[in-house]
């Protein structure tokens, strides 16, 4: 049976250099993660701003409907809105995912506005 020889000094230097390179890359990877997380947080804040604006607009629509004696909910309009979203969705959100999002958005709107 042959015993493996100890690593040469050049192999040890190569391993040390690889470790140093990995350590040097780590802060860059961490910086990239932090940058991406900051972008997600910014996106989430913008989503909340847009959701609040949507609630304001729906409140205005419902006032107009009440003044005209129309029901708040229009299932046909909701279906057309979903279809428009499907047609303009460029992904990666799937059509099924979009349907879930749309249903949740409508449910949340009705919940927040007490209908």
PDB file of N, CA and C in Angstrom:
ATOM      1  N   UNK A   1       0.838  -1.162   0.000  1.00  0.00           N
ATOM      2  CA  UNK A   1       0.000   0.000   0.000  1.00  0.00           C
ATOM      3  C   UNK A   1       0.880   1.221   0.000  1.00  0.00           C
ATOM      4  N   UNK A   2       0.509   2.197  -0.829  1.00  0.00           N
ATOM      5  CA  UNK A   2       1.325   3.384  -0.986  1.00  0.00           C
ATOM      6  C   UNK A   2       0.761   4.504  -0.124  1.00  0.00           C
ATOM      7  N   UNK A   3       1.629   5.105   0.687  1.00  0.00           N
ATOM      8  CA  UNK A   3       1.210   6.260   1.483  1.00  0.00           C
ATOM      9  C   UNK A   3       1.344   7.505   0.630  1.00  0.00           C
ATOM     10  N   UNK A   4       0.296   8.350   0.621  1.00  0.00           N
ATOM     11  CA  UNK A   4       0.407   9.572  -0.180  1.00  0.00           C
ATOM     12  C   UNK A   4       1.485  10.474   0.401  1.00  0.00           C
ATOM     13  N   UNK A   5       2.174  11.155  -0.493  1.00  0.00           N
ATOM     14  CA  UNK A   5       3.226  12.054  -0.032  1.00  0.00           C
ATOM     15  C   UNK A   5       2.593  13.339   0.473  1.00  0.00           C
ATOM     16  N   UNK A   6       3.254  14.025   1.372  1.00  0.00           N
ATOM     17  CA  UNK A   6       2.711  15.281   1.879  1.00  0.00           C
ATOM     18  C   UNK A   6       2.635  16.307   0.749  1.00  0.00           C
ATOM     19  N   UNK A   7       1.719  17.250   0.839  1.00  0.00           N
ATOM     20  CA  UNK A   7       1.594  18.244  -0.224  1.00  0.00           C
ATOM     21  C   UNK A   7       2.877  19.047  -0.362  1.00  0.00           C
ATOM     22  N   UNK A   8       3.198  19.357  -1.592  1.00  0.00           N
ATOM     23  CA  UNK A   8       4.401  20.144  -1.844  1.00  0.00           C
ATOM     24  C   UNK A   8       4.162  21.575  -1.395  1.00  0.00           C
ATOM     25  N   UNK A   9       5.248  22.325  -1.274  1.00  0.00           N
ATOM     26  CA  UNK A   9       5.104  23.715  -0.854  1.00  0.00           C
ATOM     27  C   UNK A   9       4.345  24.514  -1.911  1.00  0.00           C
ATOM     28  N   UNK A  10       4.500  24.158  -3.200  1.00  0.00           N
ATOM     29  CA  UNK A  10       3.765  24.891  -4.236  1.00  0.00           C
ATOM     30  C   UNK A  10       2.268  24.599  -4.129  1.00  0.00           C
ATOM     31  N   UNK A  11       1.890  23.362  -3.765  1.00  0.00           N
ATOM     32  CA  UNK A  11       0.479  23.029  -3.578  1.00  0.00           C
ATOM     33  C   UNK A  11      -0.073  23.792  -2.380  1.00  0.00           C
ATOM     34  N   UNK A  12       0.706  23.856  -1.319  1.00  0.00           N
ATOM     35  CA  UNK A  12       0.269  24.589  -0.126  1.00  0.00           C
ATOM     36  C   UNK A  12       0.117  26.081  -0.442  1.00  0.00           C
ATOM     37  N   UNK A  13       1.041  26.637  -1.225  1.00  0.00           N
ATOM     38  CA  UNK A  13       0.946  28.044  -1.601  1.00  0.00           C
ATOM     39  C   UNK A  13      -0.287  28.283  -2.468  1.00  0.00           C
ATOM     40  N   UNK A  14      -0.553  27.330  -3.368  1.00  0.00           N
ATOM     41  CA  UNK A  14      -1.746  27.453  -4.222  1.00  0.00           C
ATOM     42  C   UNK A  14      -3.022  27.432  -3.398  1.00  0.00           C
ATOM     43  N   UNK A  15      -3.071  26.554  -2.406  1.00  0.00           N
ATOM     44  CA  UNK A  15      -4.247  26.475  -1.541  1.00  0.00           C
ATOM     45  C   UNK A  15      -4.392  27.755  -0.730  1.00  0.00           C
ATOM     46  N   UNK A  16      -3.279  28.291  -0.240  1.00  0.00           N
ATOM     47  CA  UNK A  16      -3.320  29.533   0.529  1.00  0.00           C
ATOM     48  C   UNK A  16      -3.803  30.688  -0.352  1.00  0.00           C
ATOM     49  N   UNK A  17      -3.331  30.723  -1.591  1.00  0.00           N
ATOM     50  CA  UNK A  17      -3.750  31.777  -2.510  1.00  0.00           C
ATOM     51  C   UNK A  17      -5.244  31.662  -2.812  1.00  0.00           C
ATOM     52  N   UNK A  18      -5.724  30.435  -2.977  1.00  0.00           N
ATOM     53  CA  UNK A  18      -7.146  30.226  -3.241  1.00  0.00           C
ATOM     54  C   UNK A  18      -7.976  30.673  -2.046  1.00  0.00           C
ATOM     55  N   UNK A  19      -7.504  30.385  -0.822  1.00  0.00           N
ATOM     56  CA  UNK A  19      -8.211  30.822   0.379  1.00  0.00           C
ATOM     57  C   UNK A  19      -8.231  32.335   0.471  1.00  0.00           C
ATOM     58  N   UNK A  20      -7.115  32.963   0.160  1.00  0.00           N
ATOM     59  CA  UNK A  20      -7.040  34.421   0.203  1.00  0.00           C
ATOM     60  C   UNK A  20      -7.969  35.025  -0.841  1.00  0.00           C
ATOM     61  N   UNK A  21      -8.026  34.415  -2.021  1.00  0.00           N
ATOM     62  CA  UNK A  21      -8.907  34.916  -3.074  1.00  0.00           C
ATOM     63  C   UNK A  21     -10.369  34.772  -2.657  1.00  0.00           C
ATOM     64  N   UNK A  22     -10.706  33.654  -2.038  1.00  0.00           N
ATOM     65  CA  UNK A  22     -12.074  33.451  -1.573  1.00  0.00           C
ATOM     66  C   UNK A  22     -12.423  34.461  -0.490  1.00  0.00           C
ATOM     67  N   UNK A  23     -11.501  34.722   0.404  1.00  0.00           N
ATOM     68  CA  UNK A  23     -11.744  35.695   1.465  1.00  0.00           C
ATOM     69  C   UNK A  23     -11.907  37.090   0.879  1.00  0.00           C
ATOM     70  N   UNK A  24     -11.133  37.406  -0.130  1.00  0.00           N
ATOM     71  CA  UNK A  24     -11.230  38.715  -0.762  1.00  0.00           C
ATOM     72  C   UNK A  24     -12.554  38.853  -1.510  1.00  0.00           C
ATOM     73  N   UNK A  25     -13.047  37.765  -2.074  1.00  0.00           N
ATOM     74  CA  UNK A  25     -14.302  37.802  -2.811  1.00  0.00           C
ATOM     75  C   UNK A  25     -15.497  37.859  -1.874  1.00  0.00           C
ATOM     76  N   UNK A  26     -15.359  37.349  -0.672  1.00  0.00           N
ATOM     77  CA  UNK A  26     -16.471  37.294   0.268  1.00  0.00           C
ATOM     78  C   UNK A  26     -17.075  38.670   0.544  1.00  0.00           C
ATOM     79  N   UNK A  27     -16.280  39.698   0.842  1.00  0.00           N
ATOM     80  CA  UNK A  27     -16.917  40.995   1.067  1.00  0.00           C
ATOM     81  C   UNK A  27     -17.673  41.483  -0.170  1.00  0.00           C
ATOM     82  N   UNK A  28     -17.150  41.205  -1.342  1.00  0.00           N
ATOM     83  CA  UNK A  28     -17.830  41.604  -2.564  1.00  0.00           C
ATOM     84  C   UNK A  28     -19.174  40.882  -2.682  1.00  0.00           C
ATOM     85  N   UNK A  29     -19.204  39.598  -2.380  1.00  0.00           N
ATOM     86  CA  UNK A  29     -20.448  38.829  -2.430  1.00  0.00           C
ATOM     87  C   UNK A  29     -21.418  39.359  -1.377  1.00  0.00           C
ATOM     88  N   UNK A  30     -20.912  39.668  -0.198  1.00  0.00           N
ATOM     89  CA  UNK A  30     -21.767  40.222   0.841  1.00  0.00           C
ATOM     90  C   UNK A  30     -22.291  41.596   0.442  1.00  0.00           C
ATOM     91  N   UNK A  31     -21.433  42.390  -0.199  1.00  0.00           N
ATOM     92  CA  UNK A  31     -21.869  43.697  -0.682  1.00  0.00           C
ATOM     93  C   UNK A  31     -22.971  43.540  -1.727  1.00  0.00           C
ATOM     94  N   UNK A  32     -22.822  42.577  -2.597  1.00  0.00           N
ATOM     95  CA  UNK A  32     -23.824  42.321  -3.635  1.00  0.00           C
ATOM     96  C   UNK A  32     -25.142  41.894  -3.003  1.00  0.00           C
ATOM     97  N   UNK A  33     -25.072  41.013  -2.001  1.00  0.00           N
ATOM     98  CA  UNK A  33     -26.296  40.588  -1.312  1.00  0.00           C
ATOM     99  C   UNK A  33     -26.983  41.783  -0.660  1.00  0.00           C
ATOM    100  N   UNK A  34     -26.206  42.620  -0.010  1.00  0.00           N
ATOM    101  CA  UNK A  34     -26.772  43.796   0.657  1.00  0.00           C
ATOM    102  C   UNK A  34     -27.409  44.737  -0.366  1.00  0.00           C
ATOM    103  N   UNK A  35     -26.753  44.916  -1.498  1.00  0.00           N
ATOM    104  CA  UNK A  35     -27.296  45.779  -2.550  1.00  0.00           C
ATOM    105  C   UNK A  35     -28.626  45.219  -3.064  1.00  0.00           C
ATOM    106  N   UNK A  36     -28.671  43.917  -3.287  1.00  0.00           N
ATOM    107  CA  UNK A  36     -29.906  43.290  -3.756  1.00  0.00           C
ATOM    108  C   UNK A  36     -31.014  43.393  -2.713  1.00  0.00           C
ATOM    109  N   UNK A  37     -30.657  43.207  -1.452  1.00  0.00           N
ATOM    110  CA  UNK A  37     -31.654  43.335  -0.375  1.00  0.00           C
ATOM    111  C   UNK A  37     -32.183  44.761  -0.287  1.00  0.00           C
ATOM    112  N   UNK A  38     -31.307  45.733  -0.480  1.00  0.00           N
ATOM    113  CA  UNK A  38     -31.738  47.132  -0.484  1.00  0.00           C
ATOM    114  C   UNK A  38     -32.711  47.397  -1.630  1.00  0.00           C
ATOM    115  N   UNK A  39     -32.445  46.812  -2.791  1.00  0.00           N
ATOM    116  CA  UNK A  39     -33.347  46.976  -3.933  1.00  0.00           C
ATOM    117  C   UNK A  39     -34.706  46.332  -3.662  1.00  0.00           C
ATOM    118  N   UNK A  40     -34.702  45.178  -3.018  1.00  0.00           N
ATOM    119  CA  UNK A  40     -35.968  44.523  -2.660  1.00  0.00           C
ATOM    120  C   UNK A  40     -36.745  45.386  -1.679  1.00  0.00           C
ATOM    121  N   UNK A  41     -36.073  45.928  -0.673  1.00  0.00           N
ATOM    122  CA  UNK A  41     -36.738  46.791   0.304  1.00  0.00           C
ATOM    123  C   UNK A  41     -37.318  48.025  -0.373  1.00  0.00           C
ATOM    124  N   UNK A  42     -36.572  48.599  -1.295  1.00  0.00           N
ATOM    125  CA  UNK A  42     -37.056  49.759  -2.048  1.00  0.00           C
ATOM    126  C   UNK A  42     -38.286  49.375  -2.873  1.00  0.00           C
ATOM    127  N   UNK A  43     -38.232  48.230  -3.511  1.00  0.00           N
ATOM    128  CA  UNK A  43     -39.359  47.733  -4.289  1.00  0.00           C
ATOM    129  C   UNK A  43     -40.586  47.514  -3.397  1.00  0.00           C
ATOM    130  N   UNK A  44     -40.372  46.950  -2.218  1.00  0.00           N
ATOM    131  CA  UNK A  44     -41.478  46.717  -1.287  1.00  0.00           C
ATOM    132  C   UNK A  44     -42.110  48.032  -0.838  1.00  0.00           C
ATOM    133  N   UNK A  45     -41.286  49.046  -0.563  1.00  0.00           N
ATOM    134  CA  UNK A  45     -41.823  50.354  -0.173  1.00  0.00           C
ATOM    135  C   UNK A  45     -42.655  50.949  -1.313  1.00  0.00           C
ATOM    136  N   UNK A  46     -42.165  50.814  -2.536  1.00  0.00           N
ATOM    137  CA  UNK A  46     -42.903  51.312  -3.698  1.00  0.00           C
ATOM    138  C   UNK A  46     -44.206  50.533  -3.880  1.00  0.00           C
ATOM    139  N   UNK A  47     -44.187  49.238  -3.628  1.00  0.00           N
ATOM    140  CA  UNK A  47     -45.400  48.423  -3.730  1.00  0.00           C
ATOM    141  C   UNK A  47     -46.451  48.901  -2.724  1.00  0.00           C
ATOM    142  N   UNK A  48     -46.030  49.213  -1.512  1.00  0.00           N
ATOM    143  CA  UNK A  48     -46.960  49.708  -0.491  1.00  0.00           C
ATOM    144  C   UNK A  48     -47.510  51.069  -0.903  1.00  0.00           C
ATOM    145  N   UNK A  49     -46.659  51.932  -1.443  1.00  0.00           N
ATOM    146  CA  UNK A  49     -47.124  53.237  -1.906  1.00  0.00           C
ATOM    147  C   UNK A  49     -48.182  53.068  -2.999  1.00  0.00           C
ATOM    148  N   UNK A  50     -47.916  52.164  -3.943  1.00  0.00           N
ATOM    149  CA  UNK A  50     -48.874  51.910  -5.027  1.00  0.00           C
ATOM    150  C   UNK A  50     -50.163  51.272  -4.512  1.00  0.00           C
ATOM    151  N   UNK A  51     -50.057  50.391  -3.546  1.00  0.00           N
ATOM    152  CA  UNK A  51     -51.247  49.772  -2.962  1.00  0.00           C
ATOM    153  C   UNK A  51     -52.099  50.833  -2.270  1.00  0.00           C
ATOM    154  N   UNK A  52     -51.463  51.727  -1.524  1.00  0.00           N
ATOM    155  CA  UNK A  52     -52.215  52.801  -0.878  1.00  0.00           C
ATOM    156  C   UNK A  52     -52.906  53.686  -1.908  1.00  0.00           C
ATOM    157  N   UNK A  53     -52.231  53.989  -3.012  1.00  0.00           N
ATOM    158  CA  UNK A  53     -52.845  54.789  -4.078  1.00  0.00           C
ATOM    159  C   UNK A  53     -54.030  54.048  -4.689  1.00  0.00           C
ATOM    160  N   UNK A  54     -53.892  52.740  -4.854  1.00  0.00           N
ATOM    161  CA  UNK A  54     -54.999  51.944  -5.389  1.00  0.00           C
ATOM    162  C   UNK A  54     -56.210  52.024  -4.467  1.00  0.00           C
ATOM    163  N   UNK A  55     -55.972  51.919  -3.159  1.00  0.00           N
ATOM    164  CA  UNK A  55     -57.075  52.010  -2.198  1.00  0.00           C
ATOM    165  C   UNK A  55     -57.771  53.377  -2.283  1.00  0.00           C
ATOM    166  N   UNK A  56     -56.995  54.437  -2.455  1.00  0.00           N
ATOM    167  CA  UNK A  56     -57.577  55.778  -2.607  1.00  0.00           C
ATOM    168  C   UNK A  56     -58.452  55.853  -3.861  1.00  0.00           C
ATOM    169  N   UNK A  57     -57.965  55.293  -4.954  1.00  0.00           N
ATOM    170  CA  UNK A  57     -58.722  55.328  -6.209  1.00  0.00           C
ATOM    171  C   UNK A  57     -59.999  54.497  -6.121  1.00  0.00           C
ATOM    172  N   UNK A  58     -59.911  53.326  -5.518  1.00  0.00           N
ATOM    173  CA  UNK A  58     -61.102  52.483  -5.373  1.00  0.00           C
ATOM    174  C   UNK A  58     -62.120  53.179  -4.472  1.00  0.00           C
ATOM    175  N   UNK A  59     -61.659  53.868  -3.437  1.00  0.00           N
ATOM    176  CA  UNK A  59     -62.573  54.625  -2.579  1.00  0.00           C
ATOM    177  C   UNK A  59     -63.331  55.660  -3.405  1.00  0.00           C
ATOM    178  N   UNK A  60     -62.629  56.361  -4.283  1.00  0.00           N
ATOM    179  CA  UNK A  60     -63.282  57.347  -5.152  1.00  0.00           C
ATOM    180  C   UNK A  60     -64.300  56.681  -6.082  1.00  0.00           C
ATOM    181  N   UNK A  61     -63.913  55.540  -6.664  1.00  0.00           N
ATOM    182  CA  UNK A  61     -64.829  54.811  -7.554  1.00  0.00           C
ATOM    183  C   UNK A  61     -66.074  54.401  -6.793  1.00  0.00           C
ATOM    184  N   UNK A  62     -65.908  53.872  -5.580  1.00  0.00           N
ATOM    185  CA  UNK A  62     -67.055  53.414  -4.807  1.00  0.00           C
ATOM    186  C   UNK A  62     -67.970  54.571  -4.420  1.00  0.00           C
ATOM    187  N   UNK A  63     -67.404  55.742  -4.152  1.00  0.00           N
ATOM    188  CA  UNK A  63     -68.252  56.918  -3.875  1.00  0.00           C
ATOM    189  C   UNK A  63     -69.110  57.243  -5.099  1.00  0.00           C
ATOM    190  N   UNK A  64     -68.477  57.202  -6.273  1.00  0.00           N
ATOM    191  CA  UNK A  64     -69.216  57.474  -7.508  1.00  0.00           C
ATOM    192  C   UNK A  64     -70.308  56.426  -7.738  1.00  0.00           C
ATOM    193  N   UNK A  65     -69.990  55.171  -7.478  1.00  0.00           N
ATOM    194  CA  UNK A  65     -70.969  54.105  -7.657  1.00  0.00           C
ATOM    195  C   UNK A  65     -72.132  54.270  -6.683  1.00  0.00           C
ATOM    196  N   UNK A  66     -71.826  54.615  -5.429  1.00  0.00           N
ATOM    197  CA  UNK A  66     -72.886  54.829  -4.437  1.00  0.00           C
ATOM    198  C   UNK A  66     -73.809  55.963  -4.881  1.00  0.00           C
ATOM    199  N   UNK A  67     -73.222  57.047  -5.381  1.00  0.00           N
ATOM    200  CA  UNK A  67     -74.015  58.187  -5.832  1.00  0.00           C
ATOM    201  C   UNK A  67     -74.900  57.813  -7.025  1.00  0.00           C
ATOM    202  N   UNK A  68     -74.457  56.835  -7.790  1.00  0.00           N
ATOM    203  CA  UNK A  68     -75.210  56.404  -8.979  1.00  0.00           C
ATOM    204  C   UNK A  68     -76.079  55.180  -8.709  1.00  0.00           C
ATOM    205  N   UNK A  69     -76.022  54.663  -7.497  1.00  0.00           N
ATOM    206  CA  UNK A  69     -76.817  53.483  -7.155  1.00  0.00           C
ATOM    207  C   UNK A  69     -76.279  52.183  -7.734  1.00  0.00           C
ATOM    208  N   UNK A  70     -75.000  52.155  -8.061  1.00  0.00           N
ATOM    209  CA  UNK A  70     -74.384  50.952  -8.628  1.00  0.00           C
ATOM    210  C   UNK A  70     -73.723  50.116  -7.531  1.00  0.00           C
ATOM    211  N   UNK A  71     -73.680  48.798  -7.729  1.00  0.00           N
ATOM    212  CA  UNK A  71     -72.990  47.948  -6.740  1.00  0.00           C
ATOM    213  C   UNK A  71     -71.481  48.200  -6.766  1.00  0.00           C
ATOM    214  N   UNK A  72     -70.850  48.011  -5.620  1.00  0.00           N
ATOM    215  CA  UNK A  72     -69.395  48.204  -5.526  1.00  0.00           C
ATOM    216  C   UNK A  72     -68.633  47.200  -6.381  1.00  0.00           C
ATOM    217  N   UNK A  73     -69.052  45.951  -6.320  1.00  0.00           N
ATOM    218  CA  UNK A  73     -68.310  44.880  -6.983  1.00  0.00           C
ATOM    219  C   UNK A  73     -68.859  44.648  -8.389  1.00  0.00           C
ATOM    220  N   UNK A  74     -67.949  44.571  -9.342  1.00  0.00           N
ATOM    221  CA  UNK A  74     -68.287  44.300 -10.741  1.00  0.00           C
ATOM    222  C   UNK A  74     -67.416  43.127 -11.186  1.00  0.00           C
ATOM    223  N   UNK A  75     -67.970  41.923 -11.095  1.00  0.00           N
ATOM    224  CA  UNK A  75     -67.201  40.707 -11.408  1.00  0.00           C
ATOM    225  C   UNK A  75     -66.690  40.715 -12.851  1.00  0.00           C
ATOM    226  N   UNK A  76     -67.469  41.239 -13.766  1.00  0.00           N
ATOM    227  CA  UNK A  76     -67.019  41.292 -15.170  1.00  0.00           C
ATOM    228  C   UNK A  76     -65.793  42.192 -15.294  1.00  0.00           C
ATOM    229  N   UNK A  77     -65.823  43.328 -14.626  1.00  0.00           N
ATOM    230  CA  UNK A  77     -64.673  44.250 -14.652  1.00  0.00           C
ATOM    231  C   UNK A  77     -63.456  43.583 -14.031  1.00  0.00           C
ATOM    232  N   UNK A  78     -63.647  42.878 -12.924  1.00  0.00           N
ATOM    233  CA  UNK A  78     -62.538  42.166 -12.279  1.00  0.00           C
ATOM    234  C   UNK A  78     -61.923  41.151 -13.229  1.00  0.00           C
ATOM    235  N   UNK A  79     -62.766  40.419 -13.970  1.00  0.00           N
ATOM    236  CA  UNK A  79     -62.276  39.445 -14.940  1.00  0.00           C
ATOM    237  C   UNK A  79     -61.514  40.101 -16.078  1.00  0.00           C
ATOM    238  N   UNK A  80     -62.026  41.239 -16.561  1.00  0.00           N
ATOM    239  CA  UNK A  80     -61.325  41.960 -17.637  1.00  0.00           C
ATOM    240  C   UNK A  80     -59.972  42.476 -17.142  1.00  0.00           C
ATOM    241  N   UNK A  81     -59.936  42.964 -15.917  1.00  0.00           N
ATOM    242  CA  UNK A  81     -58.674  43.454 -15.362  1.00  0.00           C
ATOM    243  C   UNK A  81     -57.647  42.325 -15.290  1.00  0.00           C
ATOM    244  N   UNK A  82     -58.067  41.156 -14.825  1.00  0.00           N
ATOM    245  CA  UNK A  82     -57.147  40.016 -14.771  1.00  0.00           C
ATOM    246  C   UNK A  82     -56.657  39.663 -16.168  1.00  0.00           C
ATOM    247  N   UNK A  83     -57.557  39.652 -17.134  1.00  0.00           N
ATOM    248  CA  UNK A  83     -57.159  39.319 -18.505  1.00  0.00           C
ATOM    249  C   UNK A  83     -56.149  40.332 -19.039  1.00  0.00           C
ATOM    250  N   UNK A  84     -56.354  41.607 -18.754  1.00  0.00           N
ATOM    251  CA  UNK A  84     -55.397  42.636 -19.180  1.00  0.00           C
ATOM    252  C   UNK A  84     -54.036  42.413 -18.525  1.00  0.00           C
ATOM    253  N   UNK A  85     -54.046  42.034 -17.267  1.00  0.00           N
ATOM    254  CA  UNK A  85     -52.782  41.770 -16.568  1.00  0.00           C
ATOM    255  C   UNK A  85     -52.068  40.564 -17.178  1.00  0.00           C
ATOM    256  N   UNK A  86     -52.830  39.526 -17.497  1.00  0.00           N
ATOM    257  CA  UNK A  86     -52.251  38.333 -18.129  1.00  0.00           C
ATOM    258  C   UNK A  86     -51.604  38.720 -19.457  1.00  0.00           C
ATOM    259  N   UNK A  87     -52.289  39.539 -20.233  1.00  0.00           N
ATOM    260  CA  UNK A  87     -51.789  39.924 -21.561  1.00  0.00           C
ATOM    261  C   UNK A  87     -50.533  40.787 -21.492  1.00  0.00           C
ATOM    262  N   UNK A  88     -50.379  41.552 -20.437  1.00  0.00           N
ATOM    263  CA  UNK A  88     -49.220  42.452 -20.340  1.00  0.00           C
ATOM    264  C   UNK A  88     -48.111  41.913 -19.451  1.00  0.00           C
ATOM    265  N   UNK A  89     -48.351  40.812 -18.766  1.00  0.00           N
ATOM    266  CA  UNK A  89     -47.341  40.225 -17.880  1.00  0.00           C
ATOM    267  C   UNK A  89     -46.171  39.680 -18.696  1.00  0.00           C
ATOM    268  N   UNK A  90     -44.987  40.162 -18.401  1.00  0.00           N
ATOM    269  CA  UNK A  90     -43.779  39.708 -19.105  1.00  0.00           C
ATOM    270  C   UNK A  90     -42.962  38.714 -18.284  1.00  0.00           C
ATOM    271  N   UNK A  91     -43.487  38.296 -17.128  1.00  0.00           N
ATOM    272  CA  UNK A  91     -42.814  37.298 -16.309  1.00  0.00           C
ATOM    273  C   UNK A  91     -41.646  37.856 -15.539  1.00  0.00           C
ATOM    274  N   UNK A  92     -41.099  37.096 -14.670  1.00  0.00           N
ATOM    275  CA  UNK A  92     -41.219  35.643 -14.538  1.00  0.00           C
ATOM    276  C   UNK A  92     -42.466  35.155 -13.796  1.00  0.00           C
ATOM    277  N   UNK A  93     -43.357  36.066 -13.370  1.00  0.00           N
ATOM    278  CA  UNK A  93     -44.578  35.649 -12.690  1.00  0.00           C
ATOM    279  C   UNK A  93     -45.427  34.823 -13.655  1.00  0.00           C
ATOM    280  N   UNK A  94     -45.807  33.626 -13.211  1.00  0.00           N
ATOM    281  CA  UNK A  94     -46.626  32.739 -14.044  1.00  0.00           C
ATOM    282  C   UNK A  94     -48.067  33.249 -14.086  1.00  0.00           C
ATOM    283  N   UNK A  95     -48.829  32.745 -15.040  1.00  0.00           N
ATOM    284  CA  UNK A  95     -50.239  33.120 -15.129  1.00  0.00           C
ATOM    285  C   UNK A  95     -50.997  32.688 -13.879  1.00  0.00           C
ATOM    286  N   UNK A  96     -50.671  31.489 -13.360  1.00  0.00           N
ATOM    287  CA  UNK A  96     -51.299  31.034 -12.118  1.00  0.00           C
ATOM    288  C   UNK A  96     -50.926  31.950 -10.954  1.00  0.00           C
ATOM    289  N   UNK A  97     -49.662  32.317 -10.888  1.00  0.00           N
ATOM    290  CA  UNK A  97     -49.217  33.226  -9.834  1.00  0.00           C
ATOM    291  C   UNK A  97     -49.895  34.578  -9.939  1.00  0.00           C
ATOM    292  N   UNK A  98     -50.067  35.052 -11.165  1.00  0.00           N
ATOM    293  CA  UNK A  98     -50.745  36.322 -11.393  1.00  0.00           C
ATOM    294  C   UNK A  98     -52.201  36.250 -10.933  1.00  0.00           C
ATOM    295  N   UNK A  99     -52.855  35.131 -11.191  1.00  0.00           N
ATOM    296  CA  UNK A  99     -54.244  34.955 -10.749  1.00  0.00           C
ATOM    297  C   UNK A  99     -54.332  34.979  -9.224  1.00  0.00           C
ATOM    298  N   UNK A 100     -53.375  34.355  -8.558  1.00  0.00           N
ATOM    299  CA  UNK A 100     -53.349  34.367  -7.087  1.00  0.00           C
ATOM    300  C   UNK A 100     -53.133  35.796  -6.581  1.00  0.00           C
ATOM    301  N   UNK A 101     -52.170  36.492  -7.188  1.00  0.00           N
ATOM    302  CA  UNK A 101     -51.897  37.885  -6.808  1.00  0.00           C
ATOM    303  C   UNK A 101     -53.136  38.751  -6.999  1.00  0.00           C
ATOM    304  N   UNK A 102     -53.789  38.631  -8.141  1.00  0.00           N
ATOM    305  CA  UNK A 102     -54.971  39.436  -8.449  1.00  0.00           C
ATOM    306  C   UNK A 102     -56.081  39.170  -7.438  1.00  0.00           C
ATOM    307  N   UNK A 103     -56.336  37.892  -7.149  1.00  0.00           N
ATOM    308  CA  UNK A 103     -57.377  37.548  -6.175  1.00  0.00           C
ATOM    309  C   UNK A 103     -57.042  38.117  -4.791  1.00  0.00           C
ATOM    310  N   UNK A 104     -55.768  38.017  -4.396  1.00  0.00           N
ATOM    311  CA  UNK A 104     -55.352  38.552  -3.095  1.00  0.00           C
ATOM    312  C   UNK A 104     -55.486  40.074  -3.070  1.00  0.00           C
ATOM    313  N   UNK A 105     -55.150  40.726  -4.171  1.00  0.00           N
ATOM    314  CA  UNK A 105     -55.257  42.179  -4.258  1.00  0.00           C
ATOM    315  C   UNK A 105     -56.712  42.622  -4.125  1.00  0.00           C
ATOM    316  N   UNK A 106     -57.613  41.947  -4.816  1.00  0.00           N
ATOM    317  CA  UNK A 106     -59.024  42.296  -4.719  1.00  0.00           C
ATOM    318  C   UNK A 106     -59.571  42.024  -3.315  1.00  0.00           C
ATOM    319  N   UNK A 107     -59.198  40.890  -2.751  1.00  0.00           N
ATOM    320  CA  UNK A 107     -59.662  40.562  -1.395  1.00  0.00           C
ATOM    321  C   UNK A 107     -59.138  41.582  -0.382  1.00  0.00           C
ATOM    322  N   UNK A 108     -57.874  41.948  -0.506  1.00  0.00           N
ATOM    323  CA  UNK A 108     -57.293  42.931   0.413  1.00  0.00           C
ATOM    324  C   UNK A 108     -57.972  44.287   0.245  1.00  0.00           C
ATOM    325  N   UNK A 109     -58.223  44.691  -0.978  1.00  0.00           N
ATOM    326  CA  UNK A 109     -58.916  45.954  -1.221  1.00  0.00           C
ATOM    327  C   UNK A 109     -60.268  45.976  -0.535  1.00  0.00           C
ATOM    328  N   UNK A 110     -61.046  44.927  -0.717  1.00  0.00           N
ATOM    329  CA  UNK A 110     -62.382  44.845  -0.121  1.00  0.00           C
ATOM    330  C   UNK A 110     -62.279  44.813   1.412  1.00  0.00           C
ATOM    331  N   UNK A 111     -61.297  44.095   1.938  1.00  0.00           N
ATOM    332  CA  UNK A 111     -61.092  44.028   3.387  1.00  0.00           C
ATOM    333  C   UNK A 111     -60.741  45.411   3.946  1.00  0.00           C
ATOM    334  N   UNK A 112     -59.808  46.087   3.304  1.00  0.00           N
ATOM    335  CA  UNK A 112     -59.358  47.394   3.802  1.00  0.00           C
ATOM    336  C   UNK A 112     -60.441  48.463   3.705  1.00  0.00           C
ATOM    337  N   UNK A 113     -61.295  48.344   2.700  1.00  0.00           N
ATOM    338  CA  UNK A 113     -62.343  49.343   2.523  1.00  0.00           C
ATOM    339  C   UNK A 113     -63.669  48.920   3.118  1.00  0.00           C
ATOM    340  N   UNK A 114     -63.663  47.786   3.827  1.00  0.00           N
ATOM    341  CA  UNK A 114     -64.848  47.350   4.561  1.00  0.00           C
ATOM    342  C   UNK A 114     -66.007  46.883   3.721  1.00  0.00           C
ATOM    343  N   UNK A 115     -65.706  46.210   2.647  1.00  0.00           N
ATOM    344  CA  UNK A 115     -66.780  45.690   1.766  1.00  0.00           C
ATOM    345  C   UNK A 115     -66.631  44.213   1.570  1.00  0.00           C
TER     346      UNK A 115
END
